[in-house]
Amino acid sequence: MSNIVRIPAAATLPAAVGDYQAQNNLLYAFGLWGMQAYPLDLANNKVVKGAIFNVGGVLYKASSDETITGTPSNYVKLTPISAGAQCSAAYVANLSGVSWSDTYNGYVDVSGNLYLFDELLAVKNGAITTPKTFIGRIGQAVPHGSQTITSGSGNFTVPAGVYSIKVTLIGGGGGGGGTVSGNSAGGAGGGGGGISMATLSVTPGQTISYSVGAAGSAGAATAAGGNGGDTTFTGVTTATGGGGGSPSTPPGAAGSGNFGSRGAGTPGGGSTGGTGGSGGRGGTINVPGSAAPVGGGGGGAGLNSQPGGAGGSGIIFVEW
């Protein structure tokens, strides 16, 4: 007969024990403070009275201290017995065949038996790779790094041990406008791409789609510059591309985002083309507008049928 007994289905649990597995994986370091580790007391080979478990969707509690059978180790297996009315507690030598279950929020085998252990110790011993419970994660060294994505579309894969990322998006800058022959004004600069930022909650191994906005093309002589492309990352507000500048006075509009734009292009004037928003310089007589850096608008062309400058491509910064 076991002291780990089934809780009636009608019973409700207080919120404090809702995440039973986080509770069950408290570090044994509590013993250093003269406190008894909960829910296991491996020094005395027992499951502690009052511990609550979910085994295959059925709730159990230790009505009294329960002796753990078998050769002592770092891992304890709970197995339903007596037609599921009780659970036995036994030591196992390793975690072979054990994996995390999101459904039951615990470590189980193919038969649904629940395993209790110190997650951090299991990581150190190579028994598991990444802690799944809150207690395990806060005790693990948090990895830090970054990734810069400069072009194309694809999926970002969250690194092992990472649960939060900061993402910055910049849209592509608009191209600067070319000039019309005989026009007294230079081409207008392209608008800068918008900027968006967000911090996302993620899980290790999760894939998140993204697309980097392309640079707006330079306006040929007498033509407007192309619009910059939008930069996207799932979960973050799109950073739109800047507008292309015209061959005369209307400047390229600034792109938008949740953090702000990088400025509109400026109109052409006199012998100098418009300057792109946070981007390239306008050309003078017989000189094209200059290309822009990341997310900036291309410079407007100078006089006498010159082309504008290309906008700057968008970019994505991911930090953790």
C-alpha atoms as a PDB file:
ATOM      1  CA  MET A   1       0.000   0.000   0.000  1.00  0.00           C
ATOM      2  CA  SER A   2       1.273   3.454  -0.893  1.00  0.00           C
ATOM      3  CA  ASN A   3       0.760   6.796   0.831  1.00  0.00           C
ATOM      4  CA  ILE A   4       0.686   8.571  -2.564  1.00  0.00           C
ATOM      5  CA  VAL A   5      -3.045   8.503  -3.200  1.00  0.00           C
ATOM      6  CA  ARG A   6      -5.366   9.741  -5.912  1.00  0.00           C
ATOM      7  CA  ILE A   7      -7.137  13.065  -5.345  1.00  0.00           C
ATOM      8  CA  PRO A   8     -10.872  12.888  -6.155  1.00  0.00           C
ATOM      9  CA  ALA A   9     -11.653  14.352  -9.567  1.00  0.00           C
ATOM     10  CA  ALA A  10     -13.992  16.925  -8.033  1.00  0.00           C
ATOM     11  CA  ALA A  11     -11.211  18.380  -5.904  1.00  0.00           C
ATOM     12  CA  THR A  12      -9.771  21.730  -6.899  1.00  0.00           C
ATOM     13  CA  LEU A  13      -6.197  22.823  -6.311  1.00  0.00           C
ATOM     14  CA  PRO A  14      -5.091  26.220  -5.014  1.00  0.00           C
ATOM     15  CA  ALA A  15      -3.327  28.345  -7.633  1.00  0.00           C
ATOM     16  CA  ALA A  16      -0.042  28.084  -5.736  1.00  0.00           C
ATOM     17  CA  VAL A  17       0.335  24.435  -6.698  1.00  0.00           C
ATOM     18  CA  GLY A  18      -1.035  24.719 -10.216  1.00  0.00           C
ATOM     19  CA  ASP A  19       2.415  24.273 -11.723  1.00  0.00           C
ATOM     20  CA  TYR A  20       3.112  21.068  -9.805  1.00  0.00           C
ATOM     21  CA  GLN A  21       6.201  20.185 -11.752  1.00  0.00           C
ATOM     22  CA  ALA A  22       7.909  23.480 -10.965  1.00  0.00           C
ATOM     23  CA  GLN A  23       7.152  22.766  -7.322  1.00  0.00           C
ATOM     24  CA  ASN A  24       8.432  19.211  -7.570  1.00  0.00           C
ATOM     25  CA  ASN A  25      11.772  20.216  -9.035  1.00  0.00           C
ATOM     26  CA  LEU A  26      12.915  22.587  -6.315  1.00  0.00           C
ATOM     27  CA  LEU A  27      16.662  22.419  -5.934  1.00  0.00           C
ATOM     28  CA  TYR A  28      18.061  20.241  -3.184  1.00  0.00           C
ATOM     29  CA  ALA A  29      20.256  23.189  -2.230  1.00  0.00           C
ATOM     30  CA  PHE A  30      17.548  24.086   0.296  1.00  0.00           C
ATOM     31  CA  GLY A  31      19.253  21.518   2.489  1.00  0.00           C
ATOM     32  CA  LEU A  32      22.208  23.893   2.819  1.00  0.00           C
ATOM     33  CA  TRP A  33      19.959  26.216   4.808  1.00  0.00           C
ATOM     34  CA  GLY A  34      18.804  23.477   7.131  1.00  0.00           C
ATOM     35  CA  MET A  35      15.497  23.184   5.291  1.00  0.00           C
ATOM     36  CA  GLN A  36      13.962  20.002   3.957  1.00  0.00           C
ATOM     37  CA  ALA A  37      13.854  19.845   0.157  1.00  0.00           C
ATOM     38  CA  TYR A  38      10.303  19.563  -1.162  1.00  0.00           C
ATOM     39  CA  PRO A  39       8.813  17.233  -2.342  1.00  0.00           C
ATOM     40  CA  LEU A  40      11.709  14.768  -2.079  1.00  0.00           C
ATOM     41  CA  ASP A  41      13.958  13.967   0.852  1.00  0.00           C
ATOM     42  CA  LEU A  42      16.531  11.759  -0.829  1.00  0.00           C
ATOM     43  CA  ALA A  43      18.773  11.714   2.224  1.00  0.00           C
ATOM     44  CA  ASN A  44      16.039   9.749   3.988  1.00  0.00           C
ATOM     45  CA  ASN A  45      14.680   8.000   0.857  1.00  0.00           C
ATOM     46  CA  LYS A  46      11.198   9.427   0.973  1.00  0.00           C
ATOM     47  CA  VAL A  47       8.581  11.507  -0.830  1.00  0.00           C
ATOM     48  CA  VAL A  48       7.528  14.245   1.568  1.00  0.00           C
ATOM     49  CA  LYS A  49       4.002  14.415   2.985  1.00  0.00           C
ATOM     50  CA  GLY A  50       1.833  16.993   1.205  1.00  0.00           C
ATOM     51  CA  ALA A  51       3.553  16.801  -2.201  1.00  0.00           C
ATOM     52  CA  ILE A  52       1.138  16.960  -5.141  1.00  0.00           C
ATOM     53  CA  PHE A  53       1.676  15.298  -8.530  1.00  0.00           C
ATOM     54  CA  ASN A  54      -0.013  14.970 -11.912  1.00  0.00           C
ATOM     55  CA  VAL A  55       0.541  11.523 -13.396  1.00  0.00           C
ATOM     56  CA  GLY A  56      -1.019  11.166 -16.831  1.00  0.00           C
ATOM     57  CA  GLY A  57      -3.687  13.740 -16.083  1.00  0.00           C
ATOM     58  CA  VAL A  58      -4.610  12.253 -12.692  1.00  0.00           C
ATOM     59  CA  LEU A  59      -3.754  14.173  -9.530  1.00  0.00           C
ATOM     60  CA  TYR A  60      -2.127  12.475  -6.531  1.00  0.00           C
ATOM     61  CA  LYS A  61      -0.862  13.663  -3.167  1.00  0.00           C
ATOM     62  CA  ALA A  62       1.369  12.176  -0.499  1.00  0.00           C
ATOM     63  CA  SER A  63      -0.957  11.806   2.488  1.00  0.00           C
ATOM     64  CA  SER A  64       2.073  10.789   4.578  1.00  0.00           C
ATOM     65  CA  ASP A  65       5.783  10.390   3.917  1.00  0.00           C
ATOM     66  CA  GLU A  66       6.271   7.636   1.340  1.00  0.00           C
ATOM     67  CA  THR A  67       9.411   5.468   1.303  1.00  0.00           C
ATOM     68  CA  ILE A  68      11.237   5.393  -2.051  1.00  0.00           C
ATOM     69  CA  THR A  69      12.223   1.831  -2.930  1.00  0.00           C
ATOM     70  CA  GLY A  70      15.230   0.529  -4.871  1.00  0.00           C
ATOM     71  CA  THR A  71      18.882   1.520  -5.103  1.00  0.00           C
ATOM     72  CA  PRO A  72      19.268   5.244  -4.293  1.00  0.00           C
ATOM     73  CA  SER A  73      19.991   7.533  -7.251  1.00  0.00           C
ATOM     74  CA  ASN A  74      19.213  11.073  -8.416  1.00  0.00           C
ATOM     75  CA  TYR A  75      15.960  10.073 -10.125  1.00  0.00           C
ATOM     76  CA  VAL A  76      12.586   8.913  -8.785  1.00  0.00           C
ATOM     77  CA  LYS A  77       9.775   7.332 -10.814  1.00  0.00           C
ATOM     78  CA  LEU A  78       6.119   7.483  -9.771  1.00  0.00           C
ATOM     79  CA  THR A  79       4.025   4.639 -11.189  1.00  0.00           C
ATOM     80  CA  PRO A  80       0.225   4.264 -10.824  1.00  0.00           C
ATOM     81  CA  ILE A  81      -0.729   1.071  -8.936  1.00  0.00           C
ATOM     82  CA  SER A  82      -3.893  -0.433  -7.453  1.00  0.00           C
ATOM     83  CA  ALA A  83      -5.891   0.344 -10.603  1.00  0.00           C
ATOM     84  CA  GLY A  84      -4.670   3.947 -10.503  1.00  0.00           C
ATOM     85  CA  ALA A  85      -5.783   4.630  -6.937  1.00  0.00           C
ATOM     86  CA  GLN A  86      -2.210   5.002  -5.690  1.00  0.00           C
ATOM     87  CA  CYS A  87       1.333   5.582  -6.966  1.00  0.00           C
ATOM     88  CA  SER A  88       4.517   3.765  -6.031  1.00  0.00           C
ATOM     89  CA  ALA A  89       7.814   5.639  -5.724  1.00  0.00           C
ATOM     90  CA  ALA A  90      11.033   3.932  -6.849  1.00  0.00           C
ATOM     91  CA  TYR A  91      14.577   4.997  -7.693  1.00  0.00           C
ATOM     92  CA  VAL A  92      15.782   4.533 -11.285  1.00  0.00           C
ATOM     93  CA  ALA A  93      19.386   4.567 -12.446  1.00  0.00           C
ATOM     94  CA  ASN A  94      18.920   7.016 -15.347  1.00  0.00           C
ATOM     95  CA  LEU A  95      16.402   8.912 -17.472  1.00  0.00           C
ATOM     96  CA  SER A  96      16.500   6.644 -20.501  1.00  0.00           C
ATOM     97  CA  GLY A  97      13.251   6.920 -22.477  1.00  0.00           C
ATOM     98  CA  VAL A  98      12.075   9.951 -20.482  1.00  0.00           C
ATOM     99  CA  SER A  99      10.967  13.183 -22.183  1.00  0.00           C
ATOM    100  CA  TRP A 100       9.126  16.397 -21.351  1.00  0.00           C
ATOM    101  CA  SER A 101       5.349  16.455 -21.843  1.00  0.00           C
ATOM    102  CA  ASP A 102       3.653  19.799 -22.473  1.00  0.00           C
ATOM    103  CA  THR A 103       0.297  18.097 -21.942  1.00  0.00           C
ATOM    104  CA  TYR A 104       1.079  17.045 -18.369  1.00  0.00           C
ATOM    105  CA  ASN A 105       3.774  19.646 -17.669  1.00  0.00           C
ATOM    106  CA  GLY A 106       6.227  17.029 -16.466  1.00  0.00           C
ATOM    107  CA  TYR A 107       8.831  14.433 -17.418  1.00  0.00           C
ATOM    108  CA  VAL A 108       7.254  11.126 -18.420  1.00  0.00           C
ATOM    109  CA  ASP A 109       8.012   7.880 -20.250  1.00  0.00           C
ATOM    110  CA  VAL A 110       5.939   6.201 -22.943  1.00  0.00           C
ATOM    111  CA  SER A 111       3.813   4.503 -20.283  1.00  0.00           C
ATOM    112  CA  GLY A 112       2.952   7.824 -18.645  1.00  0.00           C
ATOM    113  CA  ASN A 113       4.979   7.329 -15.452  1.00  0.00           C
ATOM    114  CA  LEU A 114       6.167  10.595 -13.868  1.00  0.00           C
ATOM    115  CA  TYR A 115       9.834  11.269 -13.043  1.00  0.00           C
ATOM    116  CA  LEU A 116      11.043  13.586 -10.288  1.00  0.00           C
ATOM    117  CA  PHE A 117      14.564  14.989 -10.125  1.00  0.00           C
ATOM    118  CA  ASP A 118      16.728  18.078  -9.837  1.00  0.00           C
ATOM    119  CA  GLU A 119      16.684  19.529 -13.355  1.00  0.00           C
ATOM    120  CA  LEU A 120      19.938  21.446 -13.013  1.00  0.00           C
ATOM    121  CA  LEU A 121      21.776  18.379 -11.796  1.00  0.00           C
ATOM    122  CA  ALA A 122      20.277  16.403 -14.697  1.00  0.00           C
ATOM    123  CA  VAL A 123      21.537  19.049 -17.153  1.00  0.00           C
ATOM    124  CA  LYS A 124      24.990  18.946 -15.576  1.00  0.00           C
ATOM    125  CA  ASN A 125      25.032  15.149 -15.842  1.00  0.00           C
ATOM    126  CA  GLY A 126      23.878  15.270 -19.485  1.00  0.00           C
ATOM    127  CA  ALA A 127      20.606  13.448 -18.734  1.00  0.00           C
ATOM    128  CA  ILE A 128      18.588  16.319 -20.289  1.00  0.00           C
ATOM    129  CA  THR A 129      19.670  19.278 -22.390  1.00  0.00           C
ATOM    130  CA  THR A 130      17.439  22.193 -21.372  1.00  0.00           C
ATOM    131  CA  PRO A 131      15.405  22.777 -18.195  1.00  0.00           C
ATOM    132  CA  LYS A 132      11.674  23.068 -18.833  1.00  0.00           C
ATOM    133  CA  THR A 133      10.371  24.335 -15.490  1.00  0.00           C
ATOM    134  CA  PHE A 134      10.608  27.874 -14.201  1.00  0.00           C
ATOM    135  CA  ILE A 135      12.744  26.835 -11.230  1.00  0.00           C
ATOM    136  CA  GLY A 136      15.139  24.993 -13.505  1.00  0.00           C
ATOM    137  CA  ARG A 137      15.440  27.849 -15.972  1.00  0.00           C
ATOM    138  CA  ILE A 138      16.189  30.578 -13.450  1.00  0.00           C
ATOM    139  CA  GLY A 139      18.982  28.472 -12.001  1.00  0.00           C
ATOM    140  CA  GLN A 140      20.616  27.857 -15.370  1.00  0.00           C
ATOM    141  CA  ALA A 141      23.135  30.246 -16.872  1.00  0.00           C
ATOM    142  CA  VAL A 142      21.204  32.310 -19.417  1.00  0.00           C
ATOM    143  CA  PRO A 143      22.883  32.384 -22.836  1.00  0.00           C
ATOM    144  CA  HIS A 144      23.483  35.759 -24.471  1.00  0.00           C
ATOM    145  CA  GLY A 145      24.048  36.568 -28.103  1.00  0.00           C
ATOM    146  CA  SER A 146      22.733  38.331 -31.164  1.00  0.00           C
ATOM    147  CA  GLN A 147      22.040  37.773 -34.842  1.00  0.00           C
ATOM    148  CA  THR A 148      21.901  40.346 -37.628  1.00  0.00           C
ATOM    149  CA  ILE A 149      19.792  39.525 -40.678  1.00  0.00           C
ATOM    150  CA  THR A 150      20.535  41.741 -43.659  1.00  0.00           C
ATOM    151  CA  SER A 151      18.507  40.313 -46.531  1.00  0.00           C
ATOM    152  CA  GLY A 152      15.943  37.801 -47.723  1.00  0.00           C
ATOM    153  CA  SER A 153      13.177  35.838 -46.025  1.00  0.00           C
ATOM    154  CA  GLY A 154      13.321  32.772 -43.807  1.00  0.00           C
ATOM    155  CA  ASN A 155      12.943  31.490 -40.264  1.00  0.00           C
ATOM    156  CA  PHE A 156      14.842  32.472 -37.142  1.00  0.00           C
ATOM    157  CA  THR A 157      15.427  29.549 -34.760  1.00  0.00           C
ATOM    158  CA  VAL A 158      15.464  30.380 -31.039  1.00  0.00           C
ATOM    159  CA  PRO A 159      18.735  29.150 -29.472  1.00  0.00           C
ATOM    160  CA  ALA A 160      18.838  26.561 -26.689  1.00  0.00           C
ATOM    161  CA  GLY A 161      18.088  27.978 -23.237  1.00  0.00           C
ATOM    162  CA  VAL A 162      16.567  31.216 -24.588  1.00  0.00           C
ATOM    163  CA  TYR A 163      13.078  32.271 -23.477  1.00  0.00           C
ATOM    164  CA  SER A 164      13.066  35.974 -24.403  1.00  0.00           C
ATOM    165  CA  ILE A 165      14.400  37.923 -27.390  1.00  0.00           C
ATOM    166  CA  LYS A 166      14.559  41.605 -28.288  1.00  0.00           C
ATOM    167  CA  VAL A 167      13.909  42.358 -31.956  1.00  0.00           C
ATOM    168  CA  THR A 168      14.610  45.576 -33.888  1.00  0.00           C
ATOM    169  CA  LEU A 169      13.330  46.024 -37.437  1.00  0.00           C
ATOM    170  CA  ILE A 170      14.235  48.709 -39.986  1.00  0.00           C
ATOM    171  CA  GLY A 171      12.368  48.961 -43.274  1.00  0.00           C
ATOM    172  CA  GLY A 172      14.088  49.510 -46.605  1.00  0.00           C
ATOM    173  CA  GLY A 173      14.765  53.116 -47.601  1.00  0.00           C
ATOM    174  CA  GLY A 174      13.148  54.658 -50.679  1.00  0.00           C
ATOM    175  CA  GLY A 175      15.249  55.505 -53.719  1.00  0.00           C
ATOM    176  CA  GLY A 176      16.038  59.083 -54.610  1.00  0.00           C
ATOM    177  CA  GLY A 177      14.345  60.639 -57.625  1.00  0.00           C
ATOM    178  CA  GLY A 178      16.130  61.438 -60.891  1.00  0.00           C
ATOM    179  CA  THR A 179      15.847  64.841 -62.528  1.00  0.00           C
ATOM    180  CA  VAL A 180      13.981  66.011 -65.550  1.00  0.00           C
ATOM    181  CA  SER A 181      16.098  67.745 -68.169  1.00  0.00           C
ATOM    182  CA  GLY A 182      15.677  71.489 -67.975  1.00  0.00           C
ATOM    183  CA  ASN A 183      13.992  71.344 -64.567  1.00  0.00           C
ATOM    184  CA  SER A 184      15.194  74.044 -62.199  1.00  0.00           C
ATOM    185  CA  ALA A 185      14.996  71.721 -59.183  1.00  0.00           C
ATOM    186  CA  GLY A 186      16.893  68.564 -58.361  1.00  0.00           C
ATOM    187  CA  GLY A 187      15.238  65.236 -57.664  1.00  0.00           C
ATOM    188  CA  ALA A 188      13.681  64.621 -54.258  1.00  0.00           C
ATOM    189  CA  GLY A 189      15.268  62.286 -51.738  1.00  0.00           C
ATOM    190  CA  GLY A 190      13.694  58.960 -50.769  1.00  0.00           C
ATOM    191  CA  GLY A 191      12.109  58.453 -47.375  1.00  0.00           C
ATOM    192  CA  GLY A 192      13.849  56.451 -44.664  1.00  0.00           C
ATOM    193  CA  GLY A 193      12.436  53.092 -43.558  1.00  0.00           C
ATOM    194  CA  GLY A 194      10.362  52.839 -40.387  1.00  0.00           C
ATOM    195  CA  ILE A 195      11.656  51.309 -37.165  1.00  0.00           C
ATOM    196  CA  SER A 196       9.920  48.772 -34.903  1.00  0.00           C
ATOM    197  CA  MET A 197      11.091  47.191 -31.645  1.00  0.00           C
ATOM    198  CA  ALA A 198       9.630  44.506 -29.407  1.00  0.00           C
ATOM    199  CA  THR A 199      10.577  41.978 -26.743  1.00  0.00           C
ATOM    200  CA  LEU A 200       9.049  38.538 -27.366  1.00  0.00           C
ATOM    201  CA  SER A 201       8.562  35.539 -25.076  1.00  0.00           C
ATOM    202  CA  VAL A 202       9.831  32.457 -26.914  1.00  0.00           C
ATOM    203  CA  THR A 203      10.823  28.832 -26.332  1.00  0.00           C
ATOM    204  CA  PRO A 204      14.070  27.101 -27.331  1.00  0.00           C
ATOM    205  CA  GLY A 205      13.929  25.635 -30.826  1.00  0.00           C
ATOM    206  CA  GLN A 206      10.913  27.747 -31.851  1.00  0.00           C
ATOM    207  CA  THR A 207      11.041  29.015 -35.456  1.00  0.00           C
ATOM    208  CA  ILE A 208       9.852  32.527 -36.295  1.00  0.00           C
ATOM    209  CA  SER A 209       9.387  33.788 -39.853  1.00  0.00           C
ATOM    210  CA  TYR A 210      10.928  37.025 -41.061  1.00  0.00           C
ATOM    211  CA  SER A 211      11.462  39.099 -44.216  1.00  0.00           C
ATOM    212  CA  VAL A 212      13.962  41.930 -44.727  1.00  0.00           C
ATOM    213  CA  GLY A 213      12.748  44.909 -46.757  1.00  0.00           C
ATOM    214  CA  ALA A 214      14.662  45.496 -49.982  1.00  0.00           C
ATOM    215  CA  ALA A 215      16.251  48.839 -50.820  1.00  0.00           C
ATOM    216  CA  GLY A 216      14.259  51.192 -53.005  1.00  0.00           C
ATOM    217  CA  SER A 217      15.773  51.425 -56.474  1.00  0.00           C
ATOM    218  CA  ALA A 218      17.468  54.606 -57.638  1.00  0.00           C
ATOM    219  CA  GLY A 219      15.298  56.766 -59.838  1.00  0.00           C
ATOM    220  CA  ALA A 220      16.616  56.959 -63.388  1.00  0.00           C
ATOM    221  CA  ALA A 221      16.886  60.372 -65.032  1.00  0.00           C
ATOM    222  CA  THR A 222      13.342  61.772 -65.236  1.00  0.00           C
ATOM    223  CA  ALA A 223      11.963  58.933 -63.054  1.00  0.00           C
ATOM    224  CA  ALA A 224      10.923  58.529 -59.442  1.00  0.00           C
ATOM    225  CA  GLY A 225      12.870  56.324 -57.054  1.00  0.00           C
ATOM    226  CA  GLY A 226      11.409  52.982 -56.002  1.00  0.00           C
ATOM    227  CA  ASN A 227       9.731  52.411 -52.660  1.00  0.00           C
ATOM    228  CA  GLY A 228      11.651  50.532 -49.964  1.00  0.00           C
ATOM    229  CA  GLY A 229      10.343  47.118 -48.905  1.00  0.00           C
ATOM    230  CA  ASP A 230       8.669  46.297 -45.597  1.00  0.00           C
ATOM    231  CA  THR A 231      10.629  44.419 -42.923  1.00  0.00           C
ATOM    232  CA  THR A 232       8.655  41.843 -40.924  1.00  0.00           C
ATOM    233  CA  PHE A 233       9.237  39.470 -38.015  1.00  0.00           C
ATOM    234  CA  THR A 234       6.301  37.507 -36.633  1.00  0.00           C
ATOM    235  CA  GLY A 235       5.118  39.058 -33.370  1.00  0.00           C
ATOM    236  CA  VAL A 236       6.611  42.503 -34.106  1.00  0.00           C
ATOM    237  CA  THR A 237       4.873  45.450 -35.773  1.00  0.00           C
ATOM    238  CA  THR A 238       5.960  45.710 -39.420  1.00  0.00           C
ATOM    239  CA  ALA A 239       8.588  48.367 -40.186  1.00  0.00           C
ATOM    240  CA  THR A 240       7.379  49.737 -43.515  1.00  0.00           C
ATOM    241  CA  GLY A 241       9.669  50.878 -46.285  1.00  0.00           C
ATOM    242  CA  GLY A 242      10.254  54.512 -47.166  1.00  0.00           C
ATOM    243  CA  GLY A 243       8.676  56.047 -50.254  1.00  0.00           C
ATOM    244  CA  GLY A 244      10.647  56.837 -53.397  1.00  0.00           C
ATOM    245  CA  GLY A 245      11.461  60.459 -54.220  1.00  0.00           C
ATOM    246  CA  SER A 246       9.988  62.127 -57.292  1.00  0.00           C
ATOM    247  CA  PRO A 247      11.904  63.701 -60.198  1.00  0.00           C
ATOM    248  CA  SER A 248      10.868  67.151 -58.970  1.00  0.00           C
ATOM    249  CA  THR A 249       9.676  68.424 -55.615  1.00  0.00           C
ATOM    250  CA  PRO A 250       7.535  65.827 -53.755  1.00  0.00           C
ATOM    251  CA  PRO A 251       9.880  63.968 -51.406  1.00  0.00           C
ATOM    252  CA  GLY A 252       9.661  60.317 -50.523  1.00  0.00           C
ATOM    253  CA  ALA A 253       7.448  59.676 -47.485  1.00  0.00           C
ATOM    254  CA  ALA A 254       8.992  58.227 -44.351  1.00  0.00           C
ATOM    255  CA  GLY A 255       8.307  54.604 -43.525  1.00  0.00           C
ATOM    256  CA  SER A 256       6.406  53.764 -40.334  1.00  0.00           C
ATOM    257  CA  GLY A 257       6.882  51.496 -37.320  1.00  0.00           C
ATOM    258  CA  ASN A 258       6.000  51.290 -33.636  1.00  0.00           C
ATOM    259  CA  PHE A 259       9.182  53.125 -32.674  1.00  0.00           C
ATOM    260  CA  GLY A 260       9.202  55.794 -35.355  1.00  0.00           C
ATOM    261  CA  SER A 261      10.326  56.673 -38.853  1.00  0.00           C
ATOM    262  CA  ARG A 262      13.768  57.609 -40.116  1.00  0.00           C
ATOM    263  CA  GLY A 263      12.591  60.810 -41.747  1.00  0.00           C
ATOM    264  CA  ALA A 264      11.076  61.831 -45.061  1.00  0.00           C
ATOM    265  CA  GLY A 265      13.216  62.805 -48.014  1.00  0.00           C
ATOM    266  CA  THR A 266      13.707  66.498 -48.691  1.00  0.00           C
ATOM    267  CA  PRO A 267      12.581  68.193 -51.895  1.00  0.00           C
ATOM    268  CA  GLY A 268      15.153  69.060 -54.547  1.00  0.00           C
ATOM    269  CA  GLY A 269      16.066  72.692 -54.703  1.00  0.00           C
ATOM    270  CA  GLY A 270      18.331  74.887 -56.801  1.00  0.00           C
ATOM    271  CA  SER A 271      21.343  73.026 -58.077  1.00  0.00           C
ATOM    272  CA  THR A 272      21.303  70.341 -55.361  1.00  0.00           C
ATOM    273  CA  GLY A 273      19.033  67.313 -55.204  1.00  0.00           C
ATOM    274  CA  GLY A 274      17.030  66.458 -52.085  1.00  0.00           C
ATOM    275  CA  THR A 275      18.664  64.524 -49.253  1.00  0.00           C
ATOM    276  CA  GLY A 276      17.094  61.199 -48.324  1.00  0.00           C
ATOM    277  CA  GLY A 277      15.702  60.792 -44.810  1.00  0.00           C
ATOM    278  CA  SER A 278      18.672  59.740 -42.668  1.00  0.00           C
ATOM    279  CA  GLY A 279      20.264  58.633 -45.899  1.00  0.00           C
ATOM    280  CA  GLY A 280      22.187  59.663 -49.006  1.00  0.00           C
ATOM    281  CA  ARG A 281      23.176  63.159 -50.059  1.00  0.00           C
ATOM    282  CA  GLY A 282      21.651  64.916 -53.005  1.00  0.00           C
ATOM    283  CA  GLY A 283      23.745  65.457 -56.107  1.00  0.00           C
ATOM    284  CA  THR A 284      24.863  68.788 -57.520  1.00  0.00           C
ATOM    285  CA  ILE A 285      24.757  69.801 -61.186  1.00  0.00           C
ATOM    286  CA  ASN A 286      25.574  66.819 -63.387  1.00  0.00           C
ATOM    287  CA  VAL A 287      26.047  64.593 -60.276  1.00  0.00           C
ATOM    288  CA  PRO A 288      23.755  61.703 -59.242  1.00  0.00           C
ATOM    289  CA  GLY A 289      22.265  61.420 -55.777  1.00  0.00           C
ATOM    290  CA  SER A 290      24.262  59.154 -53.430  1.00  0.00           C
ATOM    291  CA  ALA A 291      23.162  55.745 -52.156  1.00  0.00           C
ATOM    292  CA  ALA A 292      21.979  55.465 -48.559  1.00  0.00           C
ATOM    293  CA  PRO A 293      23.147  53.385 -45.578  1.00  0.00           C
ATOM    294  CA  VAL A 294      20.900  50.789 -43.899  1.00  0.00           C
ATOM    295  CA  GLY A 295      17.269  51.889 -43.994  1.00  0.00           C
ATOM    296  CA  GLY A 296      18.062  55.391 -45.259  1.00  0.00           C
ATOM    297  CA  GLY A 297      16.512  57.085 -48.270  1.00  0.00           C
ATOM    298  CA  GLY A 298      18.584  57.617 -51.402  1.00  0.00           C
ATOM    299  CA  GLY A 299      19.693  61.137 -52.282  1.00  0.00           C
ATOM    300  CA  GLY A 300      17.878  63.038 -55.017  1.00  0.00           C
ATOM    301  CA  ALA A 301      19.681  63.714 -58.277  1.00  0.00           C
ATOM    302  CA  GLY A 302      21.333  66.988 -59.230  1.00  0.00           C
ATOM    303  CA  LEU A 303      20.308  68.905 -62.363  1.00  0.00           C
ATOM    304  CA  ASN A 304      20.638  67.921 -66.005  1.00  0.00           C
ATOM    305  CA  SER A 305      18.945  64.512 -66.175  1.00  0.00           C
ATOM    306  CA  GLN A 306      20.904  62.730 -63.443  1.00  0.00           C
ATOM    307  CA  PRO A 307      19.755  59.592 -61.612  1.00  0.00           C
ATOM    308  CA  GLY A 308      18.938  59.517 -57.934  1.00  0.00           C
ATOM    309  CA  GLY A 309      20.652  57.335 -55.321  1.00  0.00           C
ATOM    310  CA  ALA A 310      19.443  53.923 -54.205  1.00  0.00           C
ATOM    311  CA  GLY A 311      17.869  53.551 -50.789  1.00  0.00           C
ATOM    312  CA  GLY A 312      19.428  51.468 -48.045  1.00  0.00           C
ATOM    313  CA  SER A 313      18.184  47.918 -47.493  1.00  0.00           C
ATOM    314  CA  GLY A 314      16.268  47.013 -44.348  1.00  0.00           C
ATOM    315  CA  ILE A 315      17.740  44.994 -41.507  1.00  0.00           C
ATOM    316  CA  ILE A 316      16.745  42.870 -38.485  1.00  0.00           C
ATOM    317  CA  PHE A 317      18.628  42.742 -35.178  1.00  0.00           C
ATOM    318  CA  VAL A 318      17.776  39.881 -32.781  1.00  0.00           C
ATOM    319  CA  GLU A 319      19.262  39.934 -29.272  1.00  0.00           C
ATOM    320  CA  TRP A 320      18.986  37.518 -26.333  1.00  0.00           C
END
